[in-house]
PDB file of N, CA and C in Angstrom:
ATOM      1  N   UNK A   1     120.854  95.990 275.491  1.00  0.00           N
ATOM      2  CA  UNK A   1     119.996  96.605 274.512  1.00  0.00           C
ATOM      3  C   UNK A   1     118.533  96.202 274.672  1.00  0.00           C
ATOM      4  N   UNK A   2     118.251  95.151 275.430  1.00  0.00           N
ATOM      5  CA  UNK A   2     116.864  94.739 275.633  1.00  0.00           C
ATOM      6  C   UNK A   2     116.039  95.855 276.269  1.00  0.00           C
ATOM      7  N   UNK A   3     116.623  96.553 277.233  1.00  0.00           N
ATOM      8  CA  UNK A   3     115.902  97.647 277.877  1.00  0.00           C
ATOM      9  C   UNK A   3     115.575  98.746 276.871  1.00  0.00           C
ATOM     10  N   UNK A   4     116.523  99.014 275.989  1.00  0.00           N
ATOM     11  CA  UNK A   4     116.290 100.038 274.979  1.00  0.00           C
ATOM     12  C   UNK A   4     115.128  99.644 274.068  1.00  0.00           C
ATOM     13  N   UNK A   5     115.083  98.387 273.663  1.00  0.00           N
ATOM     14  CA  UNK A   5     113.991  97.899 272.812  1.00  0.00           C
ATOM     15  C   UNK A   5     112.652  97.961 273.543  1.00  0.00           C
ATOM     16  N   UNK A   6     112.674  97.613 274.811  1.00  0.00           N
ATOM     17  CA  UNK A   6     111.444  97.706 275.614  1.00  0.00           C
ATOM     18  C   UNK A   6     110.963  99.151 275.693  1.00  0.00           C
ATOM     19  N   UNK A   7     111.907 100.066 275.895  1.00  0.00           N
ATOM     20  CA  UNK A   7     111.561 101.482 275.974  1.00  0.00           C
ATOM     21  C   UNK A   7     110.982 101.971 274.653  1.00  0.00           C
ATOM     22  N   UNK A   8     111.559 101.544 273.557  1.00  0.00           N
ATOM     23  CA  UNK A   8     111.038 101.919 272.243  1.00  0.00           C
ATOM     24  C   UNK A   8     109.638 101.346 272.027  1.00  0.00           C
ATOM     25  N   UNK A   9     109.413 100.121 272.473  1.00  0.00           N
ATOM     26  CA  UNK A   9     108.085  99.507 272.362  1.00  0.00           C
ATOM     27  C   UNK A   9     107.067 100.302 273.186  1.00  0.00           C
ATOM     28  N   UNK A  10     107.451 100.702 274.380  1.00  0.00           N
ATOM     29  CA  UNK A  10     106.560 101.500 275.231  1.00  0.00           C
ATOM     30  C   UNK A  10     106.255 102.846 274.585  1.00  0.00           C
ATOM     31  N   UNK A  11     107.248 103.419 273.913  1.00  0.00           N
ATOM     32  CA  UNK A  11     107.037 104.691 273.232  1.00  0.00           C
ATOM     33  C   UNK A  11     105.991 104.536 272.129  1.00  0.00           C
ATOM     34  N   UNK A  12     106.077 103.427 271.380  1.00  0.00           N
ATOM     35  CA  UNK A  12     105.088 103.168 270.340  1.00  0.00           C
ATOM     36  C   UNK A  12     103.701 102.953 270.950  1.00  0.00           C
ATOM     37  N   UNK A  13     103.646 102.204 272.055  1.00  0.00           N
ATOM     38  CA  UNK A  13     102.370 101.979 272.737  1.00  0.00           C
ATOM     39  C   UNK A  13     101.771 103.290 273.224  1.00  0.00           C
ATOM     40  N   UNK A  14     102.636 104.167 273.739  1.00  0.00           N
ATOM     41  CA  UNK A  14     102.174 105.472 274.226  1.00  0.00           C
ATOM     42  C   UNK A  14     101.580 106.291 273.084  1.00  0.00           C
ATOM     43  N   UNK A  15     102.223 106.284 271.945  1.00  0.00           N
ATOM     44  CA  UNK A  15     101.709 107.048 270.804  1.00  0.00           C
ATOM     45  C   UNK A  15     100.346 106.498 270.367  1.00  0.00           C
ATOM     46  N   UNK A  16     100.184 105.183 270.376  1.00  0.00           N
ATOM     47  CA  UNK A  16      98.894 104.588 270.016  1.00  0.00           C
ATOM     48  C   UNK A  16      97.825 104.954 271.039  1.00  0.00           C
ATOM     49  N   UNK A  17      98.198 104.911 272.311  1.00  0.00           N
ATOM     50  CA  UNK A  17      97.238 105.229 273.370  1.00  0.00           C
ATOM     51  C   UNK A  17      96.809 106.689 273.305  1.00  0.00           C
ATOM     52  N   UNK A  18      97.723 107.573 272.967  1.00  0.00           N
ATOM     53  CA  UNK A  18      97.386 108.997 272.858  1.00  0.00           C
ATOM     54  C   UNK A  18      96.453 109.223 271.673  1.00  0.00           C
ATOM     55  N   UNK A  19      96.702 108.536 270.563  1.00  0.00           N
ATOM     56  CA  UNK A  19      95.796 108.643 269.415  1.00  0.00           C
ATOM     57  C   UNK A  19      94.406 108.130 269.790  1.00  0.00           C
ATOM     58  N   UNK A  20      94.361 107.010 270.511  1.00  0.00           N
ATOM     59  CA  UNK A  20      93.073 106.455 270.944  1.00  0.00           C
ATOM     60  C   UNK A  20      92.382 107.422 271.904  1.00  0.00           C
ATOM     61  N   UNK A  21      93.164 108.085 272.743  1.00  0.00           N
ATOM     62  CA  UNK A  21      92.595 109.047 273.689  1.00  0.00           C
ATOM     63  C   UNK A  21      91.885 110.174 272.952  1.00  0.00           C
ATOM     64  N   UNK A  22      92.466 110.633 271.874  1.00  0.00           N
ATOM     65  CA  UNK A  22      91.821 111.684 271.074  1.00  0.00           C
ATOM     66  C   UNK A  22      90.500 111.178 270.497  1.00  0.00           C
ATOM     67  N   UNK A  23      90.499 109.952 270.003  1.00  0.00           N
ATOM     68  CA  UNK A  23      89.282 109.364 269.448  1.00  0.00           C
ATOM     69  C   UNK A  23      88.223 109.198 270.531  1.00  0.00           C
ATOM     70  N   UNK A  24      88.628 108.654 271.676  1.00  0.00           N
ATOM     71  CA  UNK A  24      87.676 108.477 272.781  1.00  0.00           C
ATOM     72  C   UNK A  24      87.158 109.819 273.271  1.00  0.00           C
ATOM     73  N   UNK A  25      88.015 110.814 273.312  1.00  0.00           N
ATOM     74  CA  UNK A  25      87.594 112.142 273.743  1.00  0.00           C
ATOM     75  C   UNK A  25      86.540 112.735 272.821  1.00  0.00           C
ATOM     76  N   UNK A  26      86.733 112.565 271.531  1.00  0.00           N
ATOM     77  CA  UNK A  26      85.758 113.063 270.565  1.00  0.00           C
ATOM     78  C   UNK A  26      84.427 112.321 270.699  1.00  0.00           C
ATOM     79  N   UNK A  27      84.492 110.994 270.826  1.00  0.00           N
ATOM     80  CA  UNK A  27      83.261 110.211 270.972  1.00  0.00           C
ATOM     81  C   UNK A  27      82.536 110.557 272.267  1.00  0.00           C
ATOM     82  N   UNK A  28      83.298 110.796 273.319  1.00  0.00           N
ATOM     83  CA  UNK A  28      82.707 111.178 274.604  1.00  0.00           C
ATOM     84  C   UNK A  28      82.002 112.527 274.475  1.00  0.00           C
ATOM     85  N   UNK A  29      82.654 113.484 273.830  1.00  0.00           N
ATOM     86  CA  UNK A  29      82.052 114.806 273.656  1.00  0.00           C
ATOM     87  C   UNK A  29      80.789 114.728 272.801  1.00  0.00           C
ATOM     88  N   UNK A  30      80.830 113.916 271.759  1.00  0.00           N
ATOM     89  CA  UNK A  30      79.646 113.759 270.905  1.00  0.00           C
ATOM     90  C   UNK A  30      78.502 113.086 271.665  1.00  0.00           C
ATOM     91  N   UNK A  31      78.825 112.079 272.473  1.00  0.00           N
ATOM     92  CA  UNK A  31      77.796 111.400 273.264  1.00  0.00           C
ATOM     93  C   UNK A  31      77.202 112.352 274.302  1.00  0.00           C
ATOM     94  N   UNK A  32      78.039 113.187 274.895  1.00  0.00           N
ATOM     95  CA  UNK A  32      77.562 114.189 275.861  1.00  0.00           C
ATOM     96  C   UNK A  32      76.619 115.170 275.172  1.00  0.00           C
ATOM     97  N   UNK A  33      77.007 115.635 274.002  1.00  0.00           N
ATOM     98  CA  UNK A  33      76.167 116.551 273.231  1.00  0.00           C
ATOM     99  C   UNK A  33      74.823 115.912 272.893  1.00  0.00           C
ATOM    100  N   UNK A  34      74.856 114.706 272.372  1.00  0.00           N
ATOM    101  CA  UNK A  34      73.621 114.015 271.989  1.00  0.00           C
ATOM    102  C   UNK A  34      72.703 113.820 273.189  1.00  0.00           C
ATOM    103  N   UNK A  35      73.282 113.460 274.325  1.00  0.00           N
ATOM    104  CA  UNK A  35      72.510 113.256 275.544  1.00  0.00           C
ATOM    105  C   UNK A  35      71.845 114.557 275.994  1.00  0.00           C
ATOM    106  N   UNK A  36      72.614 115.636 276.028  1.00  0.00           N
ATOM    107  CA  UNK A  36      72.069 116.919 276.491  1.00  0.00           C
ATOM    108  C   UNK A  36      70.965 117.437 275.572  1.00  0.00           C
ATOM    109  N   UNK A  37      71.166 117.280 274.271  1.00  0.00           N
ATOM    110  CA  UNK A  37      70.153 117.730 273.316  1.00  0.00           C
ATOM    111  C   UNK A  37      68.868 116.924 273.491  1.00  0.00           C
ATOM    112  N   UNK A  38      68.995 115.612 273.602  1.00  0.00           N
ATOM    113  CA  UNK A  38      67.818 114.757 273.775  1.00  0.00           C
ATOM    114  C   UNK A  38      67.129 115.036 275.116  1.00  0.00           C
ATOM    115  N   UNK A  39      67.913 115.258 276.156  1.00  0.00           N
ATOM    116  CA  UNK A  39      67.359 115.571 277.469  1.00  0.00           C
ATOM    117  C   UNK A  39      66.530 116.853 277.401  1.00  0.00           C
ATOM    118  N   UNK A  40      67.083 117.871 276.784  1.00  0.00           N
ATOM    119  CA  UNK A  40      66.369 119.151 276.647  1.00  0.00           C
ATOM    120  C   UNK A  40      65.102 118.983 275.813  1.00  0.00           C
ATOM    121  N   UNK A  41      65.226 118.301 274.679  1.00  0.00           N
ATOM    122  CA  UNK A  41      64.088 118.096 273.786  1.00  0.00           C
ATOM    123  C   UNK A  41      62.965 117.343 274.503  1.00  0.00           C
ATOM    124  N   UNK A  42      63.326 116.313 275.234  1.00  0.00           N
ATOM    125  CA  UNK A  42      62.329 115.513 275.944  1.00  0.00           C
ATOM    126  C   UNK A  42      61.675 116.320 277.058  1.00  0.00           C
ATOM    127  N   UNK A  43      62.480 117.087 277.786  1.00  0.00           N
ATOM    128  CA  UNK A  43      61.924 117.902 278.867  1.00  0.00           C
ATOM    129  C   UNK A  43      60.958 118.950 278.315  1.00  0.00           C
ATOM    130  N   UNK A  44      61.334 119.587 277.220  1.00  0.00           N
ATOM    131  CA  UNK A  44      60.450 120.582 276.619  1.00  0.00           C
ATOM    132  C   UNK A  44      59.160 119.944 276.100  1.00  0.00           C
ATOM    133  N   UNK A  45      59.273 118.741 275.545  1.00  0.00           N
ATOM    134  CA  UNK A  45      58.076 118.055 275.051  1.00  0.00           C
ATOM    135  C   UNK A  45      57.148 117.685 276.206  1.00  0.00           C
ATOM    136  N   UNK A  46      57.736 117.195 277.299  1.00  0.00           N
ATOM    137  CA  UNK A  46      56.913 116.855 278.467  1.00  0.00           C
ATOM    138  C   UNK A  46      56.221 118.096 279.024  1.00  0.00           C
ATOM    139  N   UNK A  47      56.940 119.211 279.063  1.00  0.00           N
ATOM    140  CA  UNK A  47      56.357 120.458 279.555  1.00  0.00           C
ATOM    141  C   UNK A  47      55.216 120.911 278.630  1.00  0.00           C
ATOM    142  N   UNK A  48      55.444 120.792 277.322  1.00  0.00           N
ATOM    143  CA  UNK A  48      54.408 121.175 276.356  1.00  0.00           C
ATOM    144  C   UNK A  48      53.186 120.272 276.467  1.00  0.00           C
ATOM    145  N   UNK A  49      53.396 119.042 276.878  1.00  0.00           N
ATOM    146  CA  UNK A  49      52.290 118.098 277.051  1.00  0.00           C
ATOM    147  C   UNK A  49      51.553 118.302 278.378  1.00  0.00           C
ATOM    148  N   UNK A  50      51.993 119.282 279.177  1.00  0.00           N
ATOM    149  CA  UNK A  50      51.295 119.606 280.411  1.00  0.00           C
ATOM    150  C   UNK A  50      51.907 119.036 281.673  1.00  0.00           C
ATOM    151  N   UNK A  51      53.069 118.447 281.577  1.00  0.00           N
ATOM    152  CA  UNK A  51      53.731 117.884 282.764  1.00  0.00           C
ATOM    153  C   UNK A  51      54.105 119.024 283.707  1.00  0.00           C
ATOM    154  N   UNK A  52      53.864 118.814 284.990  1.00  0.00           N
ATOM    155  CA  UNK A  52      54.245 119.812 285.991  1.00  0.00           C
ATOM    156  C   UNK A  52      55.767 119.967 286.006  1.00  0.00           C
ATOM    157  N   UNK A  53      56.220 121.200 286.068  1.00  0.00           N
ATOM    158  CA  UNK A  53      57.650 121.489 286.008  1.00  0.00           C
ATOM    159  C   UNK A  53      58.398 120.774 287.129  1.00  0.00           C
ATOM    160  N   UNK A  54      57.797 120.670 288.280  1.00  0.00           N
ATOM    161  CA  UNK A  54      58.444 120.003 289.416  1.00  0.00           C
ATOM    162  C   UNK A  54      58.664 118.516 289.196  1.00  0.00           C
ATOM    163  N   UNK A  55      57.901 117.914 288.312  1.00  0.00           N
ATOM    164  CA  UNK A  55      58.041 116.481 288.043  1.00  0.00           C
ATOM    165  C   UNK A  55      58.954 116.174 286.858  1.00  0.00           C
ATOM    166  N   UNK A  56      59.327 117.187 286.102  1.00  0.00           N
ATOM    167  CA  UNK A  56      60.123 116.956 284.898  1.00  0.00           C
ATOM    168  C   UNK A  56      61.402 116.176 285.176  1.00  0.00           C
ATOM    169  N   UNK A  57      62.136 116.587 286.206  1.00  0.00           N
ATOM    170  CA  UNK A  57      63.389 115.898 286.512  1.00  0.00           C
ATOM    171  C   UNK A  57      63.174 114.429 286.835  1.00  0.00           C
ATOM    172  N   UNK A  58      62.082 114.121 287.519  1.00  0.00           N
ATOM    173  CA  UNK A  58      61.815 112.732 287.864  1.00  0.00           C
ATOM    174  C   UNK A  58      61.450 111.901 286.637  1.00  0.00           C
ATOM    175  N   UNK A  59      60.730 112.497 285.725  1.00  0.00           N
ATOM    176  CA  UNK A  59      60.201 111.763 284.579  1.00  0.00           C
ATOM    177  C   UNK A  59      61.200 111.708 283.421  1.00  0.00           C
ATOM    178  N   UNK A  60      61.870 112.807 283.143  1.00  0.00           N
ATOM    179  CA  UNK A  60      62.712 112.886 281.952  1.00  0.00           C
ATOM    180  C   UNK A  60      63.858 111.874 282.002  1.00  0.00           C
ATOM    181  N   UNK A  61      64.456 111.651 283.156  1.00  0.00           N
ATOM    182  CA  UNK A  61      65.583 110.720 283.244  1.00  0.00           C
ATOM    183  C   UNK A  61      65.144 109.266 283.094  1.00  0.00           C
ATOM    184  N   UNK A  62      63.861 108.992 283.297  1.00  0.00           N
ATOM    185  CA  UNK A  62      63.345 107.647 283.117  1.00  0.00           C
ATOM    186  C   UNK A  62      62.879 107.350 281.708  1.00  0.00           C
ATOM    187  N   UNK A  63      62.879 108.360 280.850  1.00  0.00           N
ATOM    188  CA  UNK A  63      62.504 108.149 279.457  1.00  0.00           C
ATOM    189  C   UNK A  63      63.514 107.190 278.821  1.00  0.00           C
ATOM    190  N   UNK A  64      63.042 106.146 278.134  1.00  0.00           N
ATOM    191  CA  UNK A  64      63.970 105.147 277.580  1.00  0.00           C
ATOM    192  C   UNK A  64      65.040 105.726 276.646  1.00  0.00           C
ATOM    193  N   UNK A  65      64.661 106.658 275.791  1.00  0.00           N
ATOM    194  CA  UNK A  65      65.652 107.250 274.882  1.00  0.00           C
ATOM    195  C   UNK A  65      66.691 108.065 275.641  1.00  0.00           C
ATOM    196  N   UNK A  66      66.236 108.828 276.625  1.00  0.00           N
ATOM    197  CA  UNK A  66      67.164 109.640 277.422  1.00  0.00           C
ATOM    198  C   UNK A  66      68.085 108.719 278.222  1.00  0.00           C
ATOM    199  N   UNK A  67      67.531 107.668 278.809  1.00  0.00           N
ATOM    200  CA  UNK A  67      68.346 106.727 279.585  1.00  0.00           C
ATOM    201  C   UNK A  67      69.385 106.049 278.699  1.00  0.00           C
ATOM    202  N   UNK A  68      69.001 105.698 277.479  1.00  0.00           N
ATOM    203  CA  UNK A  68      69.936 105.066 276.548  1.00  0.00           C
ATOM    204  C   UNK A  68      71.059 106.038 276.174  1.00  0.00           C
ATOM    205  N   UNK A  69      70.711 107.289 275.906  1.00  0.00           N
ATOM    206  CA  UNK A  69      71.718 108.297 275.568  1.00  0.00           C
ATOM    207  C   UNK A  69      72.653 108.556 276.745  1.00  0.00           C
ATOM    208  N   UNK A  70      72.085 108.560 277.944  1.00  0.00           N
ATOM    209  CA  UNK A  70      72.917 108.766 279.140  1.00  0.00           C
ATOM    210  C   UNK A  70      73.871 107.589 279.337  1.00  0.00           C
ATOM    211  N   UNK A  71      73.373 106.383 279.106  1.00  0.00           N
ATOM    212  CA  UNK A  71      74.210 105.190 279.221  1.00  0.00           C
ATOM    213  C   UNK A  71      75.354 105.248 278.212  1.00  0.00           C
ATOM    214  N   UNK A  72      75.051 105.622 276.988  1.00  0.00           N
ATOM    215  CA  UNK A  72      76.086 105.730 275.954  1.00  0.00           C
ATOM    216  C   UNK A  72      77.115 106.778 276.345  1.00  0.00           C
ATOM    217  N   UNK A  73      76.666 107.885 276.888  1.00  0.00           N
ATOM    218  CA  UNK A  73      77.585 108.927 277.353  1.00  0.00           C
ATOM    219  C   UNK A  73      78.492 108.387 278.455  1.00  0.00           C
ATOM    220  N   UNK A  74      77.910 107.645 279.390  1.00  0.00           N
ATOM    221  CA  UNK A  74      78.686 107.079 280.491  1.00  0.00           C
ATOM    222  C   UNK A  74      79.702 106.051 280.005  1.00  0.00           C
ATOM    223  N   UNK A  75      79.313 105.260 279.006  1.00  0.00           N
ATOM    224  CA  UNK A  75      80.236 104.278 278.434  1.00  0.00           C
ATOM    225  C   UNK A  75      81.423 104.987 277.786  1.00  0.00           C
ATOM    226  N   UNK A  76      81.131 106.025 277.014  1.00  0.00           N
ATOM    227  CA  UNK A  76      82.208 106.769 276.350  1.00  0.00           C
ATOM    228  C   UNK A  76      83.118 107.454 277.367  1.00  0.00           C
ATOM    229  N   UNK A  77      82.536 107.938 278.438  1.00  0.00           N
ATOM    230  CA  UNK A  77      83.346 108.555 279.500  1.00  0.00           C
ATOM    231  C   UNK A  77      84.266 107.520 280.136  1.00  0.00           C
ATOM    232  N   UNK A  78      83.736 106.328 280.382  1.00  0.00           N
ATOM    233  CA  UNK A  78      84.545 105.263 280.992  1.00  0.00           C
ATOM    234  C   UNK A  78      85.699 104.855 280.078  1.00  0.00           C
ATOM    235  N   UNK A  79      85.434 104.754 278.783  1.00  0.00           N
ATOM    236  CA  UNK A  79      86.492 104.408 277.834  1.00  0.00           C
ATOM    237  C   UNK A  79      87.564 105.494 277.795  1.00  0.00           C
ATOM    238  N   UNK A  80      87.131 106.748 277.809  1.00  0.00           N
ATOM    239  CA  UNK A  80      88.069 107.869 277.803  1.00  0.00           C
ATOM    240  C   UNK A  80      88.951 107.850 279.051  1.00  0.00           C
ATOM    241  N   UNK A  81      88.331 107.666 280.197  1.00  0.00           N
ATOM    242  CA  UNK A  81      89.100 107.647 281.451  1.00  0.00           C
ATOM    243  C   UNK A  81      90.010 106.431 281.542  1.00  0.00           C
ATOM    244  N   UNK A  82      89.564 105.289 281.038  1.00  0.00           N
ATOM    245  CA  UNK A  82      90.400 104.090 281.038  1.00  0.00           C
ATOM    246  C   UNK A  82      91.638 104.304 280.172  1.00  0.00           C
ATOM    247  N   UNK A  83      91.458 104.962 279.043  1.00  0.00           N
ATOM    248  CA  UNK A  83      92.605 105.217 278.177  1.00  0.00           C
ATOM    249  C   UNK A  83      93.545 106.248 278.800  1.00  0.00           C
ATOM    250  N   UNK A  84      92.998 107.200 279.536  1.00  0.00           N
ATOM    251  CA  UNK A  84      93.858 108.143 280.260  1.00  0.00           C
ATOM    252  C   UNK A  84      94.749 107.380 281.247  1.00  0.00           C
ATOM    253  N   UNK A  85      94.162 106.421 281.927  1.00  0.00           N
ATOM    254  CA  UNK A  85      94.936 105.617 282.879  1.00  0.00           C
ATOM    255  C   UNK A  85      95.990 104.784 282.164  1.00  0.00           C
ATOM    256  N   UNK A  86      95.648 104.264 280.981  1.00  0.00           N
ATOM    257  CA  UNK A  86      96.620 103.502 280.197  1.00  0.00           C
ATOM    258  C   UNK A  86      97.803 104.384 279.822  1.00  0.00           C
ATOM    259  N   UNK A  87      97.540 105.607 279.409  1.00  0.00           N
ATOM    260  CA  UNK A  87      98.609 106.545 279.076  1.00  0.00           C
ATOM    261  C   UNK A  87      99.507 106.754 280.295  1.00  0.00           C
ATOM    262  N   UNK A  88      98.903 106.965 281.458  1.00  0.00           N
ATOM    263  CA  UNK A  88      99.688 107.166 282.675  1.00  0.00           C
ATOM    264  C   UNK A  88     100.501 105.926 283.036  1.00  0.00           C
ATOM    265  N   UNK A  89      99.918 104.751 282.862  1.00  0.00           N
ATOM    266  CA  UNK A  89     100.622 103.506 283.164  1.00  0.00           C
ATOM    267  C   UNK A  89     101.831 103.332 282.245  1.00  0.00           C
ATOM    268  N   UNK A  90     101.644 103.593 280.969  1.00  0.00           N
ATOM    269  CA  UNK A  90     102.752 103.457 280.021  1.00  0.00           C
ATOM    270  C   UNK A  90     103.865 104.452 280.356  1.00  0.00           C
ATOM    271  N   UNK A  91     103.492 105.676 280.725  1.00  0.00           N
ATOM    272  CA  UNK A  91     104.500 106.669 281.117  1.00  0.00           C
ATOM    273  C   UNK A  91     105.302 106.191 282.316  1.00  0.00           C
ATOM    274  N   UNK A  92     104.622 105.607 283.294  1.00  0.00           N
ATOM    275  CA  UNK A  92     105.304 105.088 284.474  1.00  0.00           C
ATOM    276  C   UNK A  92     106.262 103.963 284.089  1.00  0.00           C
ATOM    277  N   UNK A  93     105.803 103.048 283.252  1.00  0.00           N
ATOM    278  CA  UNK A  93     106.658 101.951 282.807  1.00  0.00           C
ATOM    279  C   UNK A  93     107.872 102.481 282.055  1.00  0.00           C
ATOM    280  N   UNK A  94     107.682 103.539 281.284  1.00  0.00           N
ATOM    281  CA  UNK A  94     108.803 104.144 280.559  1.00  0.00           C
ATOM    282  C   UNK A  94     109.812 104.759 281.535  1.00  0.00           C
ATOM    283  N   UNK A  95     109.317 105.419 282.568  1.00  0.00           N
ATOM    284  CA  UNK A  95     110.225 105.998 283.559  1.00  0.00           C
ATOM    285  C   UNK A  95     111.025 104.909 284.269  1.00  0.00           C
ATOM    286  N   UNK A  96     110.378 103.794 284.557  1.00  0.00           N
ATOM    287  CA  UNK A  96     111.080 102.681 285.206  1.00  0.00           C
ATOM    288  C   UNK A  96     112.169 102.147 284.285  1.00  0.00           C
ATOM    289  N   UNK A  97     111.842 101.949 283.022  1.00  0.00           N
ATOM    290  CA  UNK A  97     112.841 101.464 282.070  1.00  0.00           C
ATOM    291  C   UNK A  97     113.983 102.458 281.908  1.00  0.00           C
ATOM    292  N   UNK A  98     113.664 103.747 281.868  1.00  0.00           N
ATOM    293  CA  UNK A  98     114.710 104.762 281.766  1.00  0.00           C
ATOM    294  C   UNK A  98     115.638 104.716 282.976  1.00  0.00           C
ATOM    295  N   UNK A  99     115.058 104.525 284.147  1.00  0.00           N
ATOM    296  CA  UNK A  99     115.875 104.430 285.363  1.00  0.00           C
ATOM    297  C   UNK A  99     116.789 103.214 285.302  1.00  0.00           C
ATOM    298  N   UNK A 100     116.254 102.102 284.843  1.00  0.00           N
ATOM    299  CA  UNK A 100     117.078 100.901 284.714  1.00  0.00           C
ATOM    300  C   UNK A 100     118.201 101.115 283.704  1.00  0.00           C
ATOM    301  N   UNK A 101     117.885 101.749 282.588  1.00  0.00           N
ATOM    302  CA  UNK A 101     118.910 102.053 281.582  1.00  0.00           C
ATOM    303  C   UNK A 101     120.002 102.954 282.161  1.00  0.00           C
ATOM    304  N   UNK A 102     119.580 103.975 282.894  1.00  0.00           N
ATOM    305  CA  UNK A 102     120.552 104.895 283.499  1.00  0.00           C
ATOM    306  C   UNK A 102     121.452 104.173 284.489  1.00  0.00           C
ATOM    307  N   UNK A 103     120.882 103.261 285.269  1.00  0.00           N
ATOM    308  CA  UNK A 103     121.703 102.503 286.225  1.00  0.00           C
ATOM    309  C   UNK A 103     122.706 101.619 285.494  1.00  0.00           C
ATOM    310  N   UNK A 104     122.273 100.981 284.423  1.00  0.00           N
ATOM    311  CA  UNK A 104     123.184 100.123 283.668  1.00  0.00           C
ATOM    312  C   UNK A 104     124.317 100.933 283.061  1.00  0.00           C
ATOM    313  N   UNK A 105     123.989 102.092 282.499  1.00  0.00           N
ATOM    314  CA  UNK A 105     125.011 102.916 281.880  1.00  0.00           C
ATOM    315  C   UNK A 105     125.962 103.516 282.908  1.00  0.00           C
ATOM    316  N   UNK A 106     125.467 103.826 284.086  1.00  0.00           N
ATOM    317  CA  UNK A 106     126.358 104.395 285.113  1.00  0.00           C
ATOM    318  C   UNK A 106     127.270 103.328 285.673  1.00  0.00           C
ATOM    319  N   UNK A 107     126.864 102.084 285.675  1.00  0.00           N
ATOM    320  CA  UNK A 107     127.715 100.991 286.150  1.00  0.00           C
ATOM    321  C   UNK A 107     128.836 100.727 285.137  1.00  0.00           C
ATOM    322  N   UNK A 108     128.550 100.880 283.862  1.00  0.00           N
ATOM    323  CA  UNK A 108     129.528 100.612 282.810  1.00  0.00           C
ATOM    324  C   UNK A 108     130.611 101.671 282.746  1.00  0.00           C
ATOM    325  N   UNK A 109     130.334 102.857 283.226  1.00  0.00           N
ATOM    326  CA  UNK A 109     131.326 103.954 283.127  1.00  0.00           C
ATOM    327  C   UNK A 109     132.384 103.852 284.166  1.00  0.00           C
TER     328      UNK A 109
END
């Protein structure tokens, strides 16, 4: 029965990880939105201030606020992807436990 308990524990962990994935996904999307809006706003302001269009890309990404928003977006993306990997790892561990359970039950029959 230990394998069964382990499998049940993994199932609970998987449900928690999936809930966290939804939260991370929402935060990632919000950070992406905030970054894009700030990037556009800053680029338009630089253009209105007379910045040459060809230099906008070089200057806008170095703006401290834009860089901070981009960093936050990247952090949220990393958390989202890390949780995706956790979900995959838990699924793999569950498959291994299921295989072990199946082997034990087939030996008993």
